[in-house]
Amino acid sequence: TAAMTNAIGDYFANMMGMSLVMTPYTGDDWV
């Protein structure tokens, strides 16, 4: 329950940033 609460808060707080993040400066292929 604690992890879920924390994850929901992180999800909504960072949704836009995660939606459009890419790595042109490092070449990382994680995305």
Full PDB file with SEQRES, HELIX, SHEET, SSBOND, CRYST1, ORIGX, SCALE, CONECT and MASTER records, all heavy atoms in Angstrom:
SEQRES   1 A   31  THR ALA ALA MET THR ASN ALA ILE GLY ASP TYR PHE ALA          
SEQRES   2 A   31  ASN MET MET GLY MET SER LEU VAL MET THR PRO TYR THR          
SEQRES   3 A   31  GLY ASP ASP TRP VAL                                          
HELIX    1 AA1 ALA A    2  SER A   19  1                                  18    
CRYST1    1.000    1.000    1.000  90.00  90.00  90.00 P 1           1          
ORIGX1      1.000000  0.000000  0.000000        0.00000                         
ORIGX2      0.000000  1.000000  0.000000        0.00000                         
ORIGX3      0.000000  0.000000  1.000000        0.00000                         
SCALE1      1.000000  0.000000  0.000000        0.00000                         
SCALE2      0.000000  1.000000  0.000000        0.00000                         
SCALE3      0.000000  0.000000  1.000000        0.00000                         
ATOM      1  N   THR A   1       0.828  -1.212   0.000  1.00  0.00           N  
ATOM      2  CA  THR A   1       0.000   0.000   0.000  1.00  0.00           C  
ATOM      3  C   THR A   1       0.862   1.261   0.000  1.00  0.00           C  
ATOM      4  O   THR A   1       0.544   2.241  -0.684  1.00  0.00           O  
ATOM      5  CB  THR A   1      -0.929  -0.004   1.225  1.00  0.00           C  
ATOM      6  OG1 THR A   1      -0.157  -0.170   2.419  1.00  0.00           O  
ATOM      7  CG2 THR A   1      -1.947  -1.128   1.127  1.00  0.00           C  
ATOM      8  N   ALA A   2       1.953   1.234   0.758  1.00  0.00           N  
ATOM      9  CA  ALA A   2       2.835   2.406   0.780  1.00  0.00           C  
ATOM     10  C   ALA A   2       3.522   2.605  -0.565  1.00  0.00           C  
ATOM     11  O   ALA A   2       3.612   3.733  -1.076  1.00  0.00           O  
ATOM     12  CB  ALA A   2       3.875   2.251   1.893  1.00  0.00           C  
ATOM     13  N   ALA A   3       3.999   1.510  -1.158  1.00  0.00           N  
ATOM     14  CA  ALA A   3       4.662   1.605  -2.471  1.00  0.00           C  
ATOM     15  C   ALA A   3       3.684   2.066  -3.539  1.00  0.00           C  
ATOM     16  O   ALA A   3       4.041   2.859  -4.430  1.00  0.00           O  
ATOM     17  CB  ALA A   3       5.267   0.253  -2.842  1.00  0.00           C  
ATOM     18  N   MET A   4       2.435   1.580  -3.474  1.00  0.00           N  
ATOM     19  CA  MET A   4       1.438   1.987  -4.455  1.00  0.00           C  
ATOM     20  C   MET A   4       1.127   3.476  -4.321  1.00  0.00           C  
ATOM     21  O   MET A   4       1.036   4.191  -5.331  1.00  0.00           O  
ATOM     22  CB  MET A   4       0.152   1.167  -4.270  1.00  0.00           C  
ATOM     23  CG  MET A   4      -0.975   1.555  -5.218  1.00  0.00           C  
ATOM     24  SD  MET A   4      -2.366   0.394  -5.154  1.00  0.00           S  
ATOM     25  CE  MET A   4      -2.865   0.570  -3.434  1.00  0.00           C  
ATOM     26  N   THR A   5       0.968   3.951  -3.097  1.00  0.00           N  
ATOM     27  CA  THR A   5       0.693   5.375  -2.887  1.00  0.00           C  
ATOM     28  C   THR A   5       1.822   6.235  -3.433  1.00  0.00           C  
ATOM     29  O   THR A   5       1.600   7.228  -4.133  1.00  0.00           O  
ATOM     30  CB  THR A   5       0.501   5.653  -1.392  1.00  0.00           C  
ATOM     31  OG1 THR A   5      -0.549   4.828  -0.882  1.00  0.00           O  
ATOM     32  CG2 THR A   5       0.164   7.114  -1.146  1.00  0.00           C  
ATOM     33  N   ASN A   6       3.047   5.830  -3.125  1.00  0.00           N  
ATOM     34  CA  ASN A   6       4.212   6.578  -3.601  1.00  0.00           C  
ATOM     35  C   ASN A   6       4.306   6.550  -5.125  1.00  0.00           C  
ATOM     36  O   ASN A   6       4.592   7.569  -5.768  1.00  0.00           O  
ATOM     37  CB  ASN A   6       5.484   5.980  -2.992  1.00  0.00           C  
ATOM     38  CG  ASN A   6       6.723   6.769  -3.349  1.00  0.00           C  
ATOM     39  OD1 ASN A   6       6.948   7.851  -2.826  1.00  0.00           O  
ATOM     40  ND2 ASN A   6       7.539   6.237  -4.246  1.00  0.00           N  
ATOM     41  N   ALA A   7       4.047   5.384  -5.721  1.00  0.00           N  
ATOM     42  CA  ALA A   7       4.149   5.242  -7.176  1.00  0.00           C  
ATOM     43  C   ALA A   7       3.084   6.060  -7.896  1.00  0.00           C  
ATOM     44  O   ALA A   7       3.350   6.660  -8.942  1.00  0.00           O  
ATOM     45  CB  ALA A   7       4.037   3.766  -7.561  1.00  0.00           C  
ATOM     46  N   ILE A   8       1.864   6.089  -7.358  1.00  0.00           N  
ATOM     47  CA  ILE A   8       0.801   6.881  -7.980  1.00  0.00           C  
ATOM     48  C   ILE A   8       1.169   8.360  -7.959  1.00  0.00           C  
ATOM     49  O   ILE A   8       0.997   9.075  -8.961  1.00  0.00           O  
ATOM     50  CB  ILE A   8      -0.536   6.637  -7.258  1.00  0.00           C  
ATOM     51  CG1 ILE A   8      -1.028   5.205  -7.511  1.00  0.00           C  
ATOM     52  CG2 ILE A   8      -1.595   7.636  -7.731  1.00  0.00           C  
ATOM     53  CD1 ILE A   8      -2.251   4.830  -6.714  1.00  0.00           C  
ATOM     54  N   GLY A   9       1.689   8.830  -6.818  1.00  0.00           N  
ATOM     55  CA  GLY A   9       2.112  10.220  -6.745  1.00  0.00           C  
ATOM     56  C   GLY A   9       3.222  10.534  -7.727  1.00  0.00           C  
ATOM     57  O   GLY A   9       3.192  11.567  -8.427  1.00  0.00           O  
ATOM     58  N   ASP A  10       4.215   9.654  -7.824  1.00  0.00           N  
ATOM     59  CA  ASP A  10       5.316   9.854  -8.772  1.00  0.00           C  
ATOM     60  C   ASP A  10       4.807   9.829 -10.213  1.00  0.00           C  
ATOM     61  O   ASP A  10       5.259  10.605 -11.065  1.00  0.00           O  
ATOM     62  CB  ASP A  10       6.365   8.761  -8.592  1.00  0.00           C  
ATOM     63  CG  ASP A  10       7.278   9.035  -7.410  1.00  0.00           C  
ATOM     64  OD1 ASP A  10       7.226  10.161  -6.869  1.00  0.00           O  
ATOM     65  OD2 ASP A  10       8.038   8.130  -7.031  1.00  0.00           O  
ATOM     66  N   TYR A  11       3.883   8.921 -10.482  1.00  0.00           N  
ATOM     67  CA  TYR A  11       3.347   8.775 -11.843  1.00  0.00           C  
ATOM     68  C   TYR A  11       2.674  10.063 -12.294  1.00  0.00           C  
ATOM     69  O   TYR A  11       2.979  10.603 -13.366  1.00  0.00           O  
ATOM     70  CB  TYR A  11       2.377   7.592 -11.860  1.00  0.00           C  
ATOM     71  CG  TYR A  11       1.621   7.393 -13.156  1.00  0.00           C  
ATOM     72  CD1 TYR A  11       2.159   7.750 -14.386  1.00  0.00           C  
ATOM     73  CD2 TYR A  11       0.348   6.822 -13.148  1.00  0.00           C  
ATOM     74  CE1 TYR A  11       1.456   7.536 -15.567  1.00  0.00           C  
ATOM     75  CE2 TYR A  11      -0.356   6.606 -14.314  1.00  0.00           C  
ATOM     76  CZ  TYR A  11       0.198   6.975 -15.517  1.00  0.00           C  
ATOM     77  OH  TYR A  11      -0.496   6.774 -16.691  1.00  0.00           O  
ATOM     78  N   PHE A  12       1.761  10.583 -11.489  1.00  0.00           N  
ATOM     79  CA  PHE A  12       1.041  11.790 -11.889  1.00  0.00           C  
ATOM     80  C   PHE A  12       1.948  13.019 -11.883  1.00  0.00           C  
ATOM     81  O   PHE A  12       1.788  13.911 -12.719  1.00  0.00           O  
ATOM     82  CB  PHE A  12      -0.160  12.010 -10.974  1.00  0.00           C  
ATOM     83  CG  PHE A  12      -1.335  11.142 -11.308  1.00  0.00           C  
ATOM     84  CD1 PHE A  12      -1.571   9.965 -10.603  1.00  0.00           C  
ATOM     85  CD2 PHE A  12      -2.201  11.480 -12.336  1.00  0.00           C  
ATOM     86  CE1 PHE A  12      -2.651   9.150 -10.914  1.00  0.00           C  
ATOM     87  CE2 PHE A  12      -3.283  10.667 -12.661  1.00  0.00           C  
ATOM     88  CZ  PHE A  12      -3.509   9.504 -11.947  1.00  0.00           C  
ATOM     89  N   ALA A  13       2.894  13.068 -10.967  1.00  0.00           N  
ATOM     90  CA  ALA A  13       3.779  14.229 -10.898  1.00  0.00           C  
ATOM     91  C   ALA A  13       4.741  14.294 -12.077  1.00  0.00           C  
ATOM     92  O   ALA A  13       5.162  15.384 -12.485  1.00  0.00           O  
ATOM     93  CB  ALA A  13       4.560  14.207  -9.589  1.00  0.00           C  
ATOM     94  N   ASN A  14       5.089  13.149 -12.654  1.00  0.00           N  
ATOM     95  CA  ASN A  14       6.102  13.100 -13.709  1.00  0.00           C  
ATOM     96  C   ASN A  14       5.559  12.605 -15.045  1.00  0.00           C  
ATOM     97  O   ASN A  14       6.341  12.271 -15.938  1.00  0.00           O  
ATOM     98  CB  ASN A  14       7.257  12.191 -13.279  1.00  0.00           C  
ATOM     99  CG  ASN A  14       7.978  12.693 -12.051  1.00  0.00           C  
ATOM    100  OD1 ASN A  14       8.841  13.549 -12.126  1.00  0.00           O  
ATOM    101  ND2 ASN A  14       7.614  12.147 -10.888  1.00  0.00           N  
ATOM    102  N   MET A  15       4.234  12.555 -15.186  1.00  0.00           N  
ATOM    103  CA  MET A  15       3.654  11.953 -16.376  1.00  0.00           C  
ATOM    104  C   MET A  15       4.100  12.646 -17.668  1.00  0.00           C  
ATOM    105  O   MET A  15       4.512  11.989 -18.634  1.00  0.00           O  
ATOM    106  CB  MET A  15       2.122  11.964 -16.299  1.00  0.00           C  
ATOM    107  CG  MET A  15       1.449  11.272 -17.479  1.00  0.00           C  
ATOM    108  SD  MET A  15      -0.348  11.402 -17.457  1.00  0.00           S  
ATOM    109  CE  MET A  15      -0.733  10.607 -15.900  1.00  0.00           C  
ATOM    110  N   MET A  16       4.037  13.966 -17.725  1.00  0.00           N  
ATOM    111  CA  MET A  16       4.389  14.665 -18.957  1.00  0.00           C  
ATOM    112  C   MET A  16       5.865  14.496 -19.285  1.00  0.00           C  
ATOM    113  O   MET A  16       6.243  14.288 -20.441  1.00  0.00           O  
ATOM    114  CB  MET A  16       4.043  16.153 -18.830  1.00  0.00           C  
ATOM    115  CG  MET A  16       4.270  16.923 -20.130  1.00  0.00           C  
ATOM    116  SD  MET A  16       3.395  16.185 -21.562  1.00  0.00           S  
ATOM    117  CE  MET A  16       1.686  16.470 -21.061  1.00  0.00           C  
ATOM    118  N   GLY A  17       6.713  14.578 -18.268  1.00  0.00           N  
ATOM    119  CA  GLY A  17       8.135  14.400 -18.516  1.00  0.00           C  
ATOM    120  C   GLY A  17       8.460  13.012 -19.039  1.00  0.00           C  
ATOM    121  O   GLY A  17       9.264  12.861 -19.966  1.00  0.00           O  
ATOM    122  N   MET A  18       7.837  11.981 -18.471  1.00  0.00           N  
ATOM    123  CA  MET A  18       8.069  10.619 -18.949  1.00  0.00           C  
ATOM    124  C   MET A  18       7.481  10.400 -20.331  1.00  0.00           C  
ATOM    125  O   MET A  18       7.995   9.587 -21.107  1.00  0.00           O  
ATOM    126  CB  MET A  18       7.457   9.622 -17.955  1.00  0.00           C  
ATOM    127  CG  MET A  18       8.151   9.579 -16.609  1.00  0.00           C  
ATOM    128  SD  MET A  18       7.541   8.254 -15.527  1.00  0.00           S  
ATOM    129  CE  MET A  18       5.861   8.805 -15.208  1.00  0.00           C  
ATOM    130  N   SER A  19       6.418  11.136 -20.665  1.00  0.00           N  
ATOM    131  CA  SER A  19       5.741  10.932 -21.944  1.00  0.00           C  
ATOM    132  C   SER A  19       6.598  11.336 -23.121  1.00  0.00           C  
ATOM    133  O   SER A  19       6.505  10.735 -24.196  1.00  0.00           O  
ATOM    134  CB  SER A  19       4.425  11.723 -21.975  1.00  0.00           C  
ATOM    135  OG  SER A  19       3.544  11.298 -20.961  1.00  0.00           O  
ATOM    136  N   LEU A  20       7.408  12.347 -22.961  1.00  0.00           N  
ATOM    137  CA  LEU A  20       8.148  12.910 -24.100  1.00  0.00           C  
ATOM    138  C   LEU A  20       9.657  12.910 -23.883  1.00  0.00           C  
ATOM    139  O   LEU A  20      10.371  13.691 -24.492  1.00  0.00           O  
ATOM    140  CB  LEU A  20       7.663  14.341 -24.376  1.00  0.00           C  
ATOM    141  CG  LEU A  20       6.174  14.496 -24.692  1.00  0.00           C  
ATOM    142  CD1 LEU A  20       5.815  15.962 -24.869  1.00  0.00           C  
ATOM    143  CD2 LEU A  20       5.811  13.709 -25.949  1.00  0.00           C  
ATOM    144  N   VAL A  21      10.154  12.024 -23.048  1.00  0.00           N  
ATOM    145  CA  VAL A  21      11.592  12.000 -22.776  1.00  0.00           C  
ATOM    146  C   VAL A  21      12.322  11.163 -23.826  1.00  0.00           C  
ATOM    147  O   VAL A  21      11.857  10.105 -24.243  1.00  0.00           O  
ATOM    148  CB  VAL A  21      11.869  11.442 -21.363  1.00  0.00           C  
ATOM    149  CG1 VAL A  21      11.477   9.976 -21.266  1.00  0.00           C  
ATOM    150  CG2 VAL A  21      13.330  11.624 -20.997  1.00  0.00           C  
ATOM    151  N   MET A  22      13.449  11.677 -24.314  1.00  0.00           N  
ATOM    152  CA  MET A  22      14.358  10.941 -25.189  1.00  0.00           C  
ATOM    153  C   MET A  22      15.784  11.252 -24.743  1.00  0.00           C  
ATOM    154  O   MET A  22      16.006  12.079 -23.848  1.00  0.00           O  
ATOM    155  CB  MET A  22      14.131  11.297 -26.657  1.00  0.00           C  
ATOM    156  CG  MET A  22      12.773  10.882 -27.190  1.00  0.00           C  
ATOM    157  SD  MET A  22      12.681  10.833 -28.997  1.00  0.00           S  
ATOM    158  CE  MET A  22      13.593   9.318 -29.348  1.00  0.00           C  
ATOM    159  N   THR A  23      16.754  10.587 -25.365  1.00  0.00           N  
ATOM    160  CA  THR A  23      18.147  10.726 -24.908  1.00  0.00           C  
ATOM    161  C   THR A  23      19.073  11.120 -26.057  1.00  0.00           C  
ATOM    162  O   THR A  23      19.984  10.371 -26.415  1.00  0.00           O  
ATOM    163  CB  THR A  23      18.621   9.405 -24.287  1.00  0.00           C  
ATOM    164  OG1 THR A  23      18.421   8.349 -25.247  1.00  0.00           O  
ATOM    165  CG2 THR A  23      17.858   9.096 -23.015  1.00  0.00           C  
ATOM    166  N   PRO A  24      18.867  12.298 -26.665  1.00  0.00           N  
ATOM    167  CA  PRO A  24      19.728  12.697 -27.787  1.00  0.00           C  
ATOM    168  C   PRO A  24      21.148  13.039 -27.360  1.00  0.00           C  
ATOM    169  O   PRO A  24      22.062  13.022 -28.182  1.00  0.00           O  
ATOM    170  CB  PRO A  24      19.009  13.927 -28.347  1.00  0.00           C  
ATOM    171  CG  PRO A  24      18.273  14.497 -27.175  1.00  0.00           C  
ATOM    172  CD  PRO A  24      17.845  13.316 -26.361  1.00  0.00           C  
ATOM    173  N   TYR A  25      21.366  13.364 -26.074  1.00  0.00           N  
ATOM    174  CA  TYR A  25      22.683  13.819 -25.627  1.00  0.00           C  
ATOM    175  C   TYR A  25      23.585  12.682 -25.158  1.00  0.00           C  
ATOM    176  O   TYR A  25      24.796  12.857 -25.047  1.00  0.00           O  
ATOM    177  CB  TYR A  25      22.518  14.841 -24.491  1.00  0.00           C  
ATOM    178  CG  TYR A  25      21.569  15.967 -24.848  1.00  0.00           C  
ATOM    179  CD1 TYR A  25      20.339  16.102 -24.215  1.00  0.00           C  
ATOM    180  CD2 TYR A  25      21.896  16.886 -25.855  1.00  0.00           C  
ATOM    181  CE1 TYR A  25      19.459  17.115 -24.554  1.00  0.00           C  
ATOM    182  CE2 TYR A  25      21.019  17.902 -26.201  1.00  0.00           C  
ATOM    183  CZ  TYR A  25      19.812  18.008 -25.549  1.00  0.00           C  
ATOM    184  OH  TYR A  25      18.935  19.011 -25.889  1.00  0.00           O  
ATOM    185  N   THR A  26      22.968  11.536 -24.844  1.00  0.00           N  
ATOM    186  CA  THR A  26      23.769  10.420 -24.344  1.00  0.00           C  
ATOM    187  C   THR A  26      23.781   9.217 -25.272  1.00  0.00           C  
ATOM    188  O   THR A  26      24.668   8.369 -25.165  1.00  0.00           O  
ATOM    189  CB  THR A  26      23.245   9.969 -22.965  1.00  0.00           C  
ATOM    190  OG1 THR A  26      21.897   9.487 -23.110  1.00  0.00           O  
ATOM    191  CG2 THR A  26      23.265  11.124 -21.974  1.00  0.00           C  
ATOM    192  N   GLY A  27      22.782   9.122 -26.162  1.00  0.00           N  
ATOM    193  CA  GLY A  27      22.709   7.961 -27.040  1.00  0.00           C  
ATOM    194  C   GLY A  27      22.193   6.710 -26.359  1.00  0.00           C  
ATOM    195  O   GLY A  27      22.272   5.604 -26.925  1.00  0.00           O  
ATOM    196  N   ASP A  28      21.660   6.834 -25.159  1.00  0.00           N  
ATOM    197  CA  ASP A  28      21.102   5.694 -24.427  1.00  0.00           C  
ATOM    198  C   ASP A  28      19.883   5.159 -25.190  1.00  0.00           C  
ATOM    199  O   ASP A  28      19.056   5.918 -25.687  1.00  0.00           O  
ATOM    200  CB  ASP A  28      20.694   6.146 -23.027  1.00  0.00           C  
ATOM    201  CG  ASP A  28      20.372   4.968 -22.121  1.00  0.00           C  
ATOM    202  OD1 ASP A  28      20.131   3.861 -22.639  1.00  0.00           O  
ATOM    203  OD2 ASP A  28      20.368   5.156 -20.886  1.00  0.00           O  
ATOM    204  N   ASP A  29      19.775   3.830 -25.287  1.00  0.00           N  
ATOM    205  CA  ASP A  29      18.659   3.228 -26.021  1.00  0.00           C  
ATOM    206  C   ASP A  29      17.557   2.729 -25.091  1.00  0.00           C  
ATOM    207  O   ASP A  29      16.732   1.901 -25.491  1.00  0.00           O  
ATOM    208  CB  ASP A  29      19.152   2.069 -26.894  1.00  0.00           C  
ATOM    209  CG  ASP A  29      19.707   0.914 -26.066  1.00  0.00           C  
ATOM    210  OD1 ASP A  29      19.978   1.113 -24.866  1.00  0.00           O  
ATOM    211  OD2 ASP A  29      19.874  -0.183 -26.623  1.00  0.00           O  
ATOM    212  N   TRP A  30      17.523   3.220 -23.836  1.00  0.00           N  
ATOM    213  CA  TRP A  30      16.518   2.734 -22.887  1.00  0.00           C  
ATOM    214  C   TRP A  30      15.103   3.015 -23.376  1.00  0.00           C  
ATOM    215  O   TRP A  30      14.217   2.165 -23.256  1.00  0.00           O  
ATOM    216  CB  TRP A  30      16.733   3.389 -21.519  1.00  0.00           C  
ATOM    217  CG  TRP A  30      15.893   2.785 -20.437  1.00  0.00           C  
ATOM    218  CD1 TRP A  30      16.234   1.758 -19.622  1.00  0.00           C  
ATOM    219  CD2 TRP A  30      14.555   3.158 -20.079  1.00  0.00           C  
ATOM    220  NE1 TRP A  30      15.203   1.462 -18.775  1.00  0.00           N  
ATOM    221  CE2 TRP A  30      14.146   2.303 -19.026  1.00  0.00           C  
ATOM    222  CE3 TRP A  30      13.671   4.124 -20.534  1.00  0.00           C  
ATOM    223  CZ2 TRP A  30      12.901   2.396 -18.441  1.00  0.00           C  
ATOM    224  CZ3 TRP A  30      12.414   4.209 -19.950  1.00  0.00           C  
ATOM    225  CH2 TRP A  30      12.041   3.353 -18.914  1.00  0.00           C  
ATOM    226  N   VAL A  31      14.837   4.201 -23.916  1.00  0.00           N  
ATOM    227  CA  VAL A  31      13.498   4.552 -24.386  1.00  0.00           C  
ATOM    228  C   VAL A  31      13.051   3.596 -25.482  1.00  0.00           C  
ATOM    229  O   VAL A  31      11.890   3.155 -25.518  1.00  0.00           O  
ATOM    230  CB  VAL A  31      13.459   6.009 -24.888  1.00  0.00           C  
ATOM    231  CG1 VAL A  31      12.100   6.336 -25.489  1.00  0.00           C  
ATOM    232  CG2 VAL A  31      13.773   6.969 -23.754  1.00  0.00           C  
TER     233      VAL A  31                                                      
MASTER        0    0    0    1    0    0    0    6  232    1    0    3          
END                                                                             
